[in-house]
Amino acid sequence: MPSASTALPTTLADLATALPPRIWYLTSNGQDMWCRRPYGFFFSTGEAAEGFAGTFGSEYGLSAIGVETRELLTDAALDALRGMHVTRIFVDPQIDPATGDVFGQILRLADQA
């Protein structure tokens, strides 16, 4: 059984430390990040993102987009995530094959100052 996920309070500086130089996210329209509120999903590789999408199911027509982490780590980007009601980000999530539950490291977005 997978271990429980932890949610750590995360600021821009915390995200810069926790994420690789390039991150990937899933999208159904080629731009907007697909999420399951309150969760967003970041991946270290495009293959990991595509694998997650394939395991999760193809009903959404999800594909992976890679972005330089420094381009994503802006106050405006974090405000946009909060505007989508995303308060927690899974990093390289996995899906438990027995239960279908998503598990892994979770970064909790800090509240706006």
C-alpha atoms as a PDB file:
ATOM      1  CA  MET A   1       0.000   0.000   0.000  1.00  0.00           C
ATOM      2  CA  PRO A   2       1.423   3.452  -0.879  1.00  0.00           C
ATOM      3  CA  SER A   3       2.462   5.717   1.928  1.00  0.00           C
ATOM      4  CA  ALA A   4       0.314   8.689   2.833  1.00  0.00           C
ATOM      5  CA  SER A   5       0.940  11.931   1.009  1.00  0.00           C
ATOM      6  CA  THR A   6       2.155  14.957   2.870  1.00  0.00           C
ATOM      7  CA  ALA A   7       1.127  18.516   2.142  1.00  0.00           C
ATOM      8  CA  LEU A   8       3.847  21.042   2.826  1.00  0.00           C
ATOM      9  CA  PRO A   9       3.184  24.805   2.801  1.00  0.00           C
ATOM     10  CA  THR A  10       4.787  26.121  -0.345  1.00  0.00           C
ATOM     11  CA  THR A  11       5.952  29.557  -1.423  1.00  0.00           C
ATOM     12  CA  LEU A  12       7.670  30.535  -4.685  1.00  0.00           C
ATOM     13  CA  ALA A  13      11.061  29.836  -3.084  1.00  0.00           C
ATOM     14  CA  ASP A  14       9.873  26.418  -1.873  1.00  0.00           C
ATOM     15  CA  LEU A  15       8.596  25.550  -5.341  1.00  0.00           C
ATOM     16  CA  ALA A  16      11.882  26.583  -6.943  1.00  0.00           C
ATOM     17  CA  THR A  17      13.680  24.159  -4.630  1.00  0.00           C
ATOM     18  CA  ALA A  18      11.183  21.296  -4.962  1.00  0.00           C
ATOM     19  CA  LEU A  19      10.748  21.259  -8.746  1.00  0.00           C
ATOM     20  CA  PRO A  20      13.127  20.285 -11.543  1.00  0.00           C
ATOM     21  CA  PRO A  21      14.266  22.973 -14.042  1.00  0.00           C
ATOM     22  CA  ARG A  22      11.546  21.901 -16.493  1.00  0.00           C
ATOM     23  CA  ILE A  23       8.129  20.642 -15.475  1.00  0.00           C
ATOM     24  CA  TRP A  24       5.311  19.085 -17.392  1.00  0.00           C
ATOM     25  CA  TYR A  25       1.590  19.336 -16.907  1.00  0.00           C
ATOM     26  CA  LEU A  26      -1.443  17.823 -18.615  1.00  0.00           C
ATOM     27  CA  THR A  27      -3.811  19.762 -20.821  1.00  0.00           C
ATOM     28  CA  SER A  28      -6.879  18.968 -22.881  1.00  0.00           C
ATOM     29  CA  ASN A  29      -6.778  22.141 -24.996  1.00  0.00           C
ATOM     30  CA  GLY A  30      -3.043  22.676 -25.527  1.00  0.00           C
ATOM     31  CA  GLN A  31      -2.692  25.491 -23.007  1.00  0.00           C
ATOM     32  CA  ASP A  32      -4.701  25.325 -19.775  1.00  0.00           C
ATOM     33  CA  MET A  33      -3.560  22.958 -17.046  1.00  0.00           C
ATOM     34  CA  TRP A  34      -5.919  20.065 -16.413  1.00  0.00           C
ATOM     35  CA  CYS A  35      -6.630  19.666 -12.703  1.00  0.00           C
ATOM     36  CA  ARG A  36      -8.900  17.951 -10.239  1.00  0.00           C
ATOM     37  CA  ARG A  37      -9.696  20.729  -7.801  1.00  0.00           C
ATOM     38  CA  PRO A  38      -8.168  21.251  -5.304  1.00  0.00           C
ATOM     39  CA  TYR A  39      -5.293  19.299  -6.925  1.00  0.00           C
ATOM     40  CA  GLY A  40      -2.981  20.177  -9.789  1.00  0.00           C
ATOM     41  CA  PHE A  41      -0.377  17.801 -11.208  1.00  0.00           C
ATOM     42  CA  PHE A  42       3.256  18.500 -12.165  1.00  0.00           C
ATOM     43  CA  PHE A  43       5.645  15.939 -13.633  1.00  0.00           C
ATOM     44  CA  SER A  44       9.425  15.715 -14.014  1.00  0.00           C
ATOM     45  CA  THR A  45       9.182  14.328 -17.545  1.00  0.00           C
ATOM     46  CA  GLY A  46       6.778  14.314 -20.439  1.00  0.00           C
ATOM     47  CA  GLU A  47       6.797  10.514 -20.326  1.00  0.00           C
ATOM     48  CA  ALA A  48       5.680  10.544 -16.681  1.00  0.00           C
ATOM     49  CA  ALA A  49       2.858  12.960 -17.519  1.00  0.00           C
ATOM     50  CA  GLU A  50       1.724  10.923 -20.543  1.00  0.00           C
ATOM     51  CA  GLY A  51       1.923   7.711 -18.488  1.00  0.00           C
ATOM     52  CA  PHE A  52      -0.227   9.226 -15.759  1.00  0.00           C
ATOM     53  CA  ALA A  53      -2.758  10.408 -18.358  1.00  0.00           C
ATOM     54  CA  GLY A  54      -2.824   6.940 -19.915  1.00  0.00           C
ATOM     55  CA  THR A  55      -3.334   5.244 -16.566  1.00  0.00           C
ATOM     56  CA  PHE A  56      -5.929   7.795 -15.480  1.00  0.00           C
ATOM     57  CA  GLY A  57      -7.912   7.342 -18.665  1.00  0.00           C
ATOM     58  CA  SER A  58      -8.243   8.985 -22.029  1.00  0.00           C
ATOM     59  CA  GLU A  59     -11.742  10.415 -21.694  1.00  0.00           C
ATOM     60  CA  TYR A  60     -10.273  13.929 -21.432  1.00  0.00           C
ATOM     61  CA  GLY A  61      -7.875  13.673 -24.387  1.00  0.00           C
ATOM     62  CA  LEU A  62      -4.974  14.815 -22.205  1.00  0.00           C
ATOM     63  CA  SER A  63      -1.506  15.575 -23.532  1.00  0.00           C
ATOM     64  CA  ALA A  64       1.663  16.796 -21.838  1.00  0.00           C
ATOM     65  CA  ILE A  65       3.196  20.257 -22.162  1.00  0.00           C
ATOM     66  CA  GLY A  66       6.656  21.107 -20.816  1.00  0.00           C
ATOM     67  CA  VAL A  67       7.513  24.510 -19.384  1.00  0.00           C
ATOM     68  CA  GLU A  68      10.649  25.971 -17.844  1.00  0.00           C
ATOM     69  CA  THR A  69       9.996  26.046 -14.110  1.00  0.00           C
ATOM     70  CA  ARG A  70      11.244  29.636 -13.792  1.00  0.00           C
ATOM     71  CA  GLU A  71       8.538  30.710 -16.286  1.00  0.00           C
ATOM     72  CA  LEU A  72       5.878  29.099 -14.147  1.00  0.00           C
ATOM     73  CA  LEU A  73       7.185  30.384 -10.841  1.00  0.00           C
ATOM     74  CA  THR A  74       5.601  33.796 -10.876  1.00  0.00           C
ATOM     75  CA  ASP A  75       3.090  35.429  -8.594  1.00  0.00           C
ATOM     76  CA  ALA A  76       0.721  35.686 -11.569  1.00  0.00           C
ATOM     77  CA  ALA A  77       0.940  31.940 -12.238  1.00  0.00           C
ATOM     78  CA  LEU A  78       0.311  31.076  -8.593  1.00  0.00           C
ATOM     79  CA  ASP A  79      -2.615  33.526  -8.541  1.00  0.00           C
ATOM     80  CA  ALA A  80      -4.000  31.767 -11.638  1.00  0.00           C
ATOM     81  CA  LEU A  81      -3.765  28.400  -9.877  1.00  0.00           C
ATOM     82  CA  ARG A  82      -5.547  29.837  -6.863  1.00  0.00           C
ATOM     83  CA  GLY A  83      -8.157  31.314  -9.236  1.00  0.00           C
ATOM     84  CA  MET A  84      -8.782  27.762 -10.493  1.00  0.00           C
ATOM     85  CA  HIS A  85      -9.152  26.748  -6.813  1.00  0.00           C
ATOM     86  CA  VAL A  86      -5.984  24.641  -6.967  1.00  0.00           C
ATOM     87  CA  THR A  87      -4.430  24.676  -3.513  1.00  0.00           C
ATOM     88  CA  ARG A  88      -2.303  21.529  -3.699  1.00  0.00           C
ATOM     89  CA  ILE A  89       0.116  20.314  -6.353  1.00  0.00           C
ATOM     90  CA  PHE A  90       1.022  16.654  -6.768  1.00  0.00           C
ATOM     91  CA  VAL A  91       4.615  16.246  -7.981  1.00  0.00           C
ATOM     92  CA  ASP A  92       5.138  13.075 -10.033  1.00  0.00           C
ATOM     93  CA  PRO A  93       1.946  11.445  -8.747  1.00  0.00           C
ATOM     94  CA  GLN A  94       1.264   7.737  -9.028  1.00  0.00           C
ATOM     95  CA  ILE A  95      -1.995   5.820  -9.213  1.00  0.00           C
ATOM     96  CA  ASP A  96      -2.525   2.846  -6.915  1.00  0.00           C
ATOM     97  CA  PRO A  97      -3.571   0.018  -9.270  1.00  0.00           C
ATOM     98  CA  ALA A  98      -5.648  -1.679  -6.569  1.00  0.00           C
ATOM     99  CA  THR A  99      -7.715   1.341  -5.521  1.00  0.00           C
ATOM    100  CA  GLY A 100      -7.266   3.943  -8.266  1.00  0.00           C
ATOM    101  CA  ASP A 101      -6.198   6.462  -5.611  1.00  0.00           C
ATOM    102  CA  VAL A 102      -3.622   9.078  -6.552  1.00  0.00           C
ATOM    103  CA  PHE A 103      -0.667   9.335  -4.180  1.00  0.00           C
ATOM    104  CA  GLY A 104       2.726  11.002  -3.908  1.00  0.00           C
ATOM    105  CA  GLN A 105       4.379  14.207  -2.808  1.00  0.00           C
ATOM    106  CA  ILE A 106       1.967  17.118  -2.426  1.00  0.00           C
ATOM    107  CA  LEU A 107       2.988  20.747  -2.207  1.00  0.00           C
ATOM    108  CA  ARG A 108       0.406  22.996  -0.579  1.00  0.00           C
ATOM    109  CA  LEU A 109       0.286  26.472  -2.060  1.00  0.00           C
ATOM    110  CA  ALA A 110       0.701  29.147   0.571  1.00  0.00           C
ATOM    111  CA  ASP A 111      -2.144  31.603   0.969  1.00  0.00           C
ATOM    112  CA  GLN A 112      -1.745  34.966  -0.673  1.00  0.00           C
ATOM    113  CA  ALA A 113       0.112  37.493   1.459  1.00  0.00           C
END
